[in-house]
Amino acid sequence: MESLDKVNNKGKKYRGDRKVSLKKVYMSMINSLVGLRKSYSTEQSLSIHFGMSILVLGLGIFFKINRYEWIFSILLMGLIVCIELLNTAIEANVDLATDKVHPLARNAKDIGSAATFMMSMFALIGEILLFYPYILELFR
C-alpha cells in the first residue's frame, strides 16, 4: 500500500492535513469565485451562456413554468456553464504545457470546445421543447 506521506518545504515527511475547517471551506469558495470571474472576463462563450440563461429565466418567469420545468431548465443551464468552465481549464492546461502548435494540443482544445457545443445544442433543443407549447399558446 502506498504511503500518504508528503514532504513539506523543509524536507520533512508529514501526513497530509485532512482537517476540515470553516477557513478552508471559505477559501475554497473564494478561489472558486475568483476562477468564475476570471473565466467570465476572458471567455466570450461564458458570457453568451450567461446571457442565454438570463433569457431562459425570463421566459420561465413570464410563462410561469412549473417546478419540474424549472429543475430541467436549471440543470441544463448549469451543465452548459460547468462544461464551458472545464473546457476553459483544458485550454489553460494545454497553453501551459506547450506554446507550439501541436496536433494533440489542437485536438484537446477542439474536443473540449466540441463538448461545450454539443451540450449547448442539447440544451437548446431541450429548452425549445419546454417552451414551445407556451409560445404556441401565446399566439393562439
N, C-alpha and C. Protein backbone atom coordinates (compact mmCIF):
# COMPACT_ATOMS: atom_id res chain seq x y z
N MET A 1 0.83 -1.18 0.00
CA MET A 1 0.00 0.00 0.00
C MET A 1 0.88 1.25 0.00
N GLU A 2 0.50 2.22 -0.83
CA GLU A 2 1.31 3.43 -0.94
C GLU A 2 1.17 4.30 0.29
N SER A 3 2.23 4.97 0.63
CA SER A 3 2.23 5.88 1.78
C SER A 3 1.57 7.19 1.38
N LEU A 4 0.84 7.76 2.32
CA LEU A 4 0.20 9.06 2.08
C LEU A 4 1.08 10.19 2.58
N ASP A 5 2.31 9.86 2.96
CA ASP A 5 3.22 10.87 3.46
C ASP A 5 3.59 11.84 2.35
N LYS A 6 3.75 13.10 2.74
CA LYS A 6 4.17 14.13 1.81
C LYS A 6 5.42 14.78 2.39
N VAL A 7 6.10 15.55 1.58
CA VAL A 7 7.29 16.24 2.03
C VAL A 7 6.98 17.72 2.09
N ASN A 8 7.23 18.35 3.26
CA ASN A 8 6.99 19.78 3.38
C ASN A 8 8.17 20.56 2.83
N ASN A 9 8.11 21.89 2.91
CA ASN A 9 9.16 22.71 2.30
C ASN A 9 10.50 22.60 3.02
N LYS A 10 10.55 21.96 4.19
CA LYS A 10 11.81 21.76 4.91
C LYS A 10 12.35 20.35 4.69
N GLY A 11 11.72 19.58 3.82
CA GLY A 11 12.20 18.25 3.52
C GLY A 11 11.72 17.17 4.48
N LYS A 12 10.88 17.53 5.44
CA LYS A 12 10.39 16.55 6.40
C LYS A 12 9.09 15.94 5.89
N LYS A 13 8.92 14.65 6.17
CA LYS A 13 7.68 13.97 5.77
C LYS A 13 6.58 14.29 6.78
N TYR A 14 5.38 14.44 6.27
CA TYR A 14 4.22 14.63 7.13
C TYR A 14 3.01 14.05 6.45
N ARG A 15 2.02 13.74 7.23
CA ARG A 15 0.76 13.22 6.71
C ARG A 15 -0.06 14.41 6.24
N GLY A 16 -0.67 14.31 5.07
CA GLY A 16 -1.49 15.40 4.54
C GLY A 16 -2.55 15.85 5.54
N ASP A 17 -2.76 17.15 5.62
CA ASP A 17 -3.73 17.72 6.56
C ASP A 17 -5.14 17.49 6.02
N ARG A 18 -5.91 16.68 6.71
CA ARG A 18 -7.27 16.38 6.26
C ARG A 18 -8.32 17.07 7.12
N LYS A 19 -7.90 17.92 8.02
CA LYS A 19 -8.86 18.60 8.88
C LYS A 19 -9.75 19.50 8.04
N VAL A 20 -11.01 19.51 8.40
CA VAL A 20 -11.97 20.39 7.75
C VAL A 20 -12.15 21.59 8.67
N SER A 21 -12.01 22.75 8.08
CA SER A 21 -12.22 23.96 8.88
C SER A 21 -13.05 24.93 8.06
N LEU A 22 -13.72 25.83 8.75
CA LEU A 22 -14.51 26.83 8.06
C LEU A 22 -13.62 27.73 7.21
N LYS A 23 -12.41 27.99 7.68
CA LYS A 23 -11.49 28.82 6.91
C LYS A 23 -11.14 28.17 5.57
N LYS A 24 -10.89 26.84 5.59
CA LYS A 24 -10.57 26.13 4.34
C LYS A 24 -11.77 26.13 3.40
N VAL A 25 -12.95 25.91 3.93
CA VAL A 25 -14.16 25.92 3.11
C VAL A 25 -14.36 27.31 2.52
N TYR A 26 -14.19 28.33 3.35
CA TYR A 26 -14.34 29.71 2.89
C TYR A 26 -13.34 30.03 1.79
N MET A 27 -12.07 29.65 1.99
CA MET A 27 -11.03 29.93 0.99
C MET A 27 -11.31 29.17 -0.31
N SER A 28 -11.82 27.95 -0.21
CA SER A 28 -12.18 27.19 -1.41
C SER A 28 -13.28 27.90 -2.19
N MET A 29 -14.26 28.44 -1.47
CA MET A 29 -15.34 29.17 -2.13
C MET A 29 -14.81 30.44 -2.79
N ILE A 30 -13.93 31.15 -2.10
CA ILE A 30 -13.35 32.37 -2.67
C ILE A 30 -12.56 32.04 -3.94
N ASN A 31 -11.74 30.97 -3.88
CA ASN A 31 -10.97 30.57 -5.06
C ASN A 31 -11.88 30.19 -6.22
N SER A 32 -12.98 29.53 -5.92
CA SER A 32 -13.94 29.17 -6.97
C SER A 32 -14.55 30.40 -7.61
N LEU A 33 -14.91 31.38 -6.79
CA LEU A 33 -15.49 32.62 -7.33
C LEU A 33 -14.47 33.41 -8.14
N VAL A 34 -13.21 33.40 -7.71
CA VAL A 34 -12.15 34.06 -8.49
C VAL A 34 -12.02 33.38 -9.85
N GLY A 35 -12.04 32.04 -9.86
CA GLY A 35 -11.96 31.31 -11.12
C GLY A 35 -13.14 31.62 -12.02
N LEU A 36 -14.32 31.72 -11.44
CA LEU A 36 -15.51 32.05 -12.23
C LEU A 36 -15.38 33.45 -12.82
N ARG A 37 -14.91 34.40 -12.01
CA ARG A 37 -14.74 35.77 -12.51
C ARG A 37 -13.70 35.82 -13.62
N LYS A 38 -12.58 35.12 -13.45
CA LYS A 38 -11.54 35.10 -14.49
C LYS A 38 -12.08 34.49 -15.77
N SER A 39 -12.82 33.40 -15.65
CA SER A 39 -13.39 32.75 -16.83
C SER A 39 -14.38 33.66 -17.53
N TYR A 40 -15.23 34.31 -16.74
CA TYR A 40 -16.24 35.20 -17.31
C TYR A 40 -15.60 36.36 -18.05
N SER A 41 -14.49 36.88 -17.48
CA SER A 41 -13.86 38.05 -18.10
C SER A 41 -13.03 37.69 -19.32
N THR A 42 -12.62 36.43 -19.45
CA THR A 42 -11.75 36.05 -20.57
C THR A 42 -12.44 35.21 -21.63
N GLU A 43 -13.54 34.58 -21.30
CA GLU A 43 -14.20 33.67 -22.23
C GLU A 43 -15.50 34.26 -22.76
N GLN A 44 -15.53 34.57 -24.05
CA GLN A 44 -16.73 35.13 -24.68
C GLN A 44 -17.89 34.14 -24.59
N SER A 45 -17.61 32.86 -24.74
CA SER A 45 -18.66 31.85 -24.72
C SER A 45 -19.40 31.84 -23.39
N LEU A 46 -18.68 32.03 -22.31
CA LEU A 46 -19.31 32.03 -21.00
C LEU A 46 -20.28 33.20 -20.86
N SER A 47 -19.91 34.34 -21.41
CA SER A 47 -20.81 35.50 -21.41
C SER A 47 -22.08 35.19 -22.20
N ILE A 48 -21.93 34.52 -23.32
CA ILE A 48 -23.09 34.14 -24.13
C ILE A 48 -23.98 33.18 -23.36
N HIS A 49 -23.38 32.19 -22.69
CA HIS A 49 -24.16 31.22 -21.92
C HIS A 49 -24.91 31.90 -20.77
N PHE A 50 -24.25 32.84 -20.10
CA PHE A 50 -24.94 33.56 -19.03
C PHE A 50 -26.08 34.40 -19.58
N GLY A 51 -25.86 35.02 -20.74
CA GLY A 51 -26.92 35.80 -21.37
C GLY A 51 -28.12 34.94 -21.74
N MET A 52 -27.85 33.77 -22.29
CA MET A 52 -28.94 32.86 -22.65
C MET A 52 -29.66 32.36 -21.39
N SER A 53 -28.91 32.16 -20.31
CA SER A 53 -29.51 31.73 -19.05
C SER A 53 -30.48 32.79 -18.53
N ILE A 54 -30.09 34.05 -18.67
CA ILE A 54 -30.98 35.14 -18.24
C ILE A 54 -32.25 35.14 -19.09
N LEU A 55 -32.10 34.89 -20.39
CA LEU A 55 -33.27 34.80 -21.28
C LEU A 55 -34.19 33.67 -20.85
N VAL A 56 -33.61 32.49 -20.56
CA VAL A 56 -34.40 31.33 -20.14
C VAL A 56 -35.10 31.62 -18.81
N LEU A 57 -34.39 32.25 -17.88
CA LEU A 57 -35.01 32.60 -16.60
C LEU A 57 -36.18 33.56 -16.81
N GLY A 58 -35.99 34.53 -17.70
CA GLY A 58 -37.07 35.47 -18.00
C GLY A 58 -38.27 34.77 -18.62
N LEU A 59 -38.02 33.85 -19.54
CA LEU A 59 -39.12 33.10 -20.15
C LEU A 59 -39.83 32.24 -19.11
N GLY A 60 -39.06 31.63 -18.23
CA GLY A 60 -39.66 30.80 -17.18
C GLY A 60 -40.57 31.60 -16.27
N ILE A 61 -40.13 32.80 -15.91
CA ILE A 61 -40.96 33.67 -15.06
C ILE A 61 -42.19 34.14 -15.82
N PHE A 62 -42.00 34.54 -17.09
CA PHE A 62 -43.11 35.03 -17.90
C PHE A 62 -44.18 33.96 -18.10
N PHE A 63 -43.77 32.75 -18.41
CA PHE A 63 -44.72 31.68 -18.69
C PHE A 63 -45.14 30.92 -17.44
N LYS A 64 -44.57 31.26 -16.30
CA LYS A 64 -44.90 30.61 -15.02
C LYS A 64 -44.78 29.09 -15.13
N ILE A 65 -43.59 28.65 -15.54
CA ILE A 65 -43.38 27.21 -15.68
C ILE A 65 -43.43 26.54 -14.31
N ASN A 66 -43.70 25.24 -14.31
CA ASN A 66 -43.86 24.52 -13.04
C ASN A 66 -42.50 24.12 -12.46
N ARG A 67 -42.53 23.55 -11.28
CA ARG A 67 -41.32 23.19 -10.54
C ARG A 67 -40.41 22.26 -11.34
N TYR A 68 -40.99 21.26 -11.98
CA TYR A 68 -40.18 20.29 -12.72
C TYR A 68 -39.55 20.91 -13.97
N GLU A 69 -40.26 21.83 -14.58
CA GLU A 69 -39.70 22.54 -15.73
C GLU A 69 -38.54 23.45 -15.29
N TRP A 70 -38.68 24.05 -14.10
CA TRP A 70 -37.59 24.85 -13.54
C TRP A 70 -36.37 23.98 -13.29
N ILE A 71 -36.59 22.83 -12.69
CA ILE A 71 -35.48 21.91 -12.40
C ILE A 71 -34.77 21.54 -13.70
N PHE A 72 -35.53 21.19 -14.72
CA PHE A 72 -34.98 20.83 -16.02
C PHE A 72 -34.15 21.97 -16.60
N SER A 73 -34.72 23.18 -16.59
CA SER A 73 -34.03 24.34 -17.16
C SER A 73 -32.75 24.66 -16.40
N ILE A 74 -32.82 24.64 -15.08
CA ILE A 74 -31.65 24.98 -14.28
C ILE A 74 -30.55 23.93 -14.46
N LEU A 75 -30.93 22.66 -14.55
CA LEU A 75 -29.93 21.63 -14.81
C LEU A 75 -29.24 21.83 -16.15
N LEU A 76 -30.01 22.15 -17.17
CA LEU A 76 -29.41 22.39 -18.48
C LEU A 76 -28.47 23.59 -18.45
N MET A 77 -28.91 24.67 -17.82
CA MET A 77 -28.06 25.86 -17.74
C MET A 77 -26.79 25.56 -16.96
N GLY A 78 -26.92 24.85 -15.86
CA GLY A 78 -25.76 24.50 -15.04
C GLY A 78 -24.78 23.61 -15.77
N LEU A 79 -25.29 22.64 -16.51
CA LEU A 79 -24.42 21.74 -17.28
C LEU A 79 -23.61 22.51 -18.33
N ILE A 80 -24.25 23.43 -19.00
CA ILE A 80 -23.54 24.21 -20.02
C ILE A 80 -22.41 25.01 -19.38
N VAL A 81 -22.71 25.71 -18.30
CA VAL A 81 -21.70 26.54 -17.65
C VAL A 81 -20.56 25.67 -17.12
N CYS A 82 -20.89 24.54 -16.51
CA CYS A 82 -19.85 23.64 -15.99
C CYS A 82 -18.95 23.10 -17.09
N ILE A 83 -19.54 22.70 -18.20
CA ILE A 83 -18.74 22.17 -19.31
C ILE A 83 -17.88 23.28 -19.91
N GLU A 84 -18.43 24.48 -20.00
CA GLU A 84 -17.63 25.61 -20.51
C GLU A 84 -16.45 25.90 -19.58
N LEU A 85 -16.67 25.82 -18.27
CA LEU A 85 -15.57 26.04 -17.32
C LEU A 85 -14.52 24.94 -17.44
N LEU A 86 -14.95 23.70 -17.61
CA LEU A 86 -14.00 22.61 -17.81
C LEU A 86 -13.21 22.80 -19.11
N ASN A 87 -13.89 23.24 -20.15
CA ASN A 87 -13.22 23.50 -21.42
C ASN A 87 -12.18 24.60 -21.25
N THR A 88 -12.51 25.64 -20.50
CA THR A 88 -11.57 26.72 -20.24
C THR A 88 -10.34 26.20 -19.49
N ALA A 89 -10.57 25.31 -18.52
CA ALA A 89 -9.46 24.72 -17.77
C ALA A 89 -8.58 23.86 -18.68
N ILE A 90 -9.20 23.10 -19.57
CA ILE A 90 -8.44 22.28 -20.52
C ILE A 90 -7.57 23.18 -21.39
N GLU A 91 -8.15 24.25 -21.91
CA GLU A 91 -7.40 25.16 -22.77
C GLU A 91 -6.23 25.79 -22.01
N ALA A 92 -6.45 26.17 -20.76
CA ALA A 92 -5.37 26.77 -19.97
C ALA A 92 -4.24 25.77 -19.74
N ASN A 93 -4.60 24.52 -19.46
CA ASN A 93 -3.58 23.49 -19.25
C ASN A 93 -2.80 23.20 -20.53
N VAL A 94 -3.48 23.17 -21.65
CA VAL A 94 -2.79 22.95 -22.93
C VAL A 94 -1.84 24.11 -23.20
N ASP A 95 -2.30 25.34 -22.97
CA ASP A 95 -1.44 26.51 -23.18
C ASP A 95 -0.23 26.49 -22.24
N LEU A 96 -0.43 25.98 -21.03
CA LEU A 96 0.67 25.88 -20.07
C LEU A 96 1.68 24.83 -20.52
N ALA A 97 1.19 23.74 -21.08
CA ALA A 97 2.05 22.62 -21.46
C ALA A 97 2.89 22.92 -22.70
N THR A 98 2.35 23.69 -23.62
CA THR A 98 3.10 23.95 -24.85
C THR A 98 2.71 25.31 -25.42
N ASP A 99 3.71 25.98 -25.97
CA ASP A 99 3.43 27.23 -26.67
C ASP A 99 3.51 27.05 -28.18
N LYS A 100 3.74 25.80 -28.59
CA LYS A 100 3.81 25.47 -30.01
C LYS A 100 2.47 24.92 -30.49
N VAL A 101 2.26 25.05 -31.78
CA VAL A 101 1.06 24.45 -32.37
C VAL A 101 1.37 22.97 -32.57
N HIS A 102 0.68 22.15 -31.81
CA HIS A 102 0.90 20.71 -31.87
C HIS A 102 -0.45 20.05 -32.16
N PRO A 103 -0.48 19.02 -33.00
CA PRO A 103 -1.76 18.37 -33.33
C PRO A 103 -2.52 17.87 -32.11
N LEU A 104 -1.83 17.32 -31.12
CA LEU A 104 -2.51 16.82 -29.92
C LEU A 104 -3.06 17.97 -29.07
N ALA A 105 -2.32 19.07 -29.01
CA ALA A 105 -2.81 20.24 -28.28
C ALA A 105 -4.06 20.79 -28.97
N ARG A 106 -4.01 20.85 -30.27
CA ARG A 106 -5.18 21.33 -31.02
C ARG A 106 -6.37 20.39 -30.83
N ASN A 107 -6.12 19.08 -30.85
CA ASN A 107 -7.19 18.10 -30.61
C ASN A 107 -7.83 18.32 -29.25
N ALA A 108 -7.01 18.49 -28.21
CA ALA A 108 -7.54 18.68 -26.87
C ALA A 108 -8.44 19.91 -26.82
N LYS A 109 -7.99 20.99 -27.40
CA LYS A 109 -8.80 22.22 -27.41
C LYS A 109 -10.07 22.06 -28.24
N ASP A 110 -9.94 21.45 -29.41
CA ASP A 110 -11.10 21.28 -30.29
C ASP A 110 -12.14 20.35 -29.66
N ILE A 111 -11.68 19.29 -29.03
CA ILE A 111 -12.62 18.33 -28.42
C ILE A 111 -13.31 18.96 -27.21
N GLY A 112 -12.57 19.73 -26.43
CA GLY A 112 -13.20 20.44 -25.31
C GLY A 112 -14.25 21.42 -25.81
N SER A 113 -13.93 22.12 -26.89
CA SER A 113 -14.89 23.04 -27.49
C SER A 113 -16.10 22.30 -28.04
N ALA A 114 -15.86 21.13 -28.62
CA ALA A 114 -16.97 20.33 -29.16
C ALA A 114 -17.91 19.88 -28.04
N ALA A 115 -17.35 19.55 -26.87
CA ALA A 115 -18.20 19.15 -25.74
C ALA A 115 -19.13 20.29 -25.33
N THR A 116 -18.58 21.50 -25.30
CA THR A 116 -19.40 22.67 -24.98
C THR A 116 -20.47 22.90 -26.04
N PHE A 117 -20.07 22.79 -27.29
CA PHE A 117 -21.01 23.00 -28.39
C PHE A 117 -22.15 21.98 -28.35
N MET A 118 -21.79 20.71 -28.15
CA MET A 118 -22.82 19.66 -28.12
C MET A 118 -23.79 19.88 -26.96
N MET A 119 -23.27 20.21 -25.78
CA MET A 119 -24.15 20.45 -24.64
C MET A 119 -25.04 21.64 -24.91
N SER A 120 -24.50 22.66 -25.56
CA SER A 120 -25.31 23.83 -25.90
C SER A 120 -26.45 23.47 -26.86
N MET A 121 -26.16 22.61 -27.83
CA MET A 121 -27.20 22.20 -28.78
C MET A 121 -28.28 21.36 -28.08
N PHE A 122 -27.84 20.43 -27.21
CA PHE A 122 -28.82 19.63 -26.47
C PHE A 122 -29.68 20.52 -25.56
N ALA A 123 -29.05 21.50 -24.94
CA ALA A 123 -29.79 22.41 -24.06
C ALA A 123 -30.77 23.25 -24.88
N LEU A 124 -30.33 23.71 -26.03
CA LEU A 124 -31.22 24.50 -26.89
C LEU A 124 -32.44 23.67 -27.29
N ILE A 125 -32.22 22.44 -27.70
CA ILE A 125 -33.33 21.56 -28.07
C ILE A 125 -34.24 21.33 -26.87
N GLY A 126 -33.65 21.07 -25.71
CA GLY A 126 -34.45 20.85 -24.50
C GLY A 126 -35.29 22.06 -24.14
N GLU A 127 -34.70 23.25 -24.21
CA GLU A 127 -35.45 24.47 -23.86
C GLU A 127 -36.52 24.77 -24.91
N ILE A 128 -36.24 24.50 -26.18
CA ILE A 128 -37.26 24.69 -27.21
C ILE A 128 -38.43 23.75 -26.94
N LEU A 129 -38.14 22.49 -26.64
CA LEU A 129 -39.23 21.55 -26.34
C LEU A 129 -40.03 21.98 -25.11
N LEU A 130 -39.34 22.57 -24.14
CA LEU A 130 -40.03 23.01 -22.93
C LEU A 130 -40.92 24.21 -23.21
N PHE A 131 -40.41 25.21 -23.92
CA PHE A 131 -41.14 26.46 -24.10
C PHE A 131 -42.05 26.49 -25.32
N TYR A 132 -41.89 25.54 -26.25
CA TYR A 132 -42.70 25.54 -27.47
C TYR A 132 -44.21 25.57 -27.19
N PRO A 133 -44.72 24.71 -26.31
CA PRO A 133 -46.17 24.77 -26.05
C PRO A 133 -46.62 26.11 -25.48
N TYR A 134 -45.79 26.72 -24.63
CA TYR A 134 -46.15 28.01 -24.04
C TYR A 134 -46.17 29.10 -25.11
N ILE A 135 -45.18 29.09 -25.99
CA ILE A 135 -45.11 30.10 -27.05
C ILE A 135 -46.23 29.88 -28.05
N LEU A 136 -46.53 28.64 -28.38
CA LEU A 136 -47.63 28.32 -29.27
C LEU A 136 -48.97 28.83 -28.71
N GLU A 137 -49.17 28.63 -27.43
CA GLU A 137 -50.40 29.07 -26.74
C GLU A 137 -50.50 30.60 -26.74
N LEU A 138 -49.36 31.26 -26.65
CA LEU A 138 -49.33 32.72 -26.63
C LEU A 138 -49.88 33.31 -27.92
N PHE A 139 -49.67 32.65 -29.06
CA PHE A 139 -50.09 33.16 -30.35
C PHE A 139 -51.44 32.62 -30.79
N ARG A 140 -52.11 31.87 -29.96
CA ARG A 140 -53.45 31.38 -30.32
C ARG A 140 -54.51 32.35 -29.94
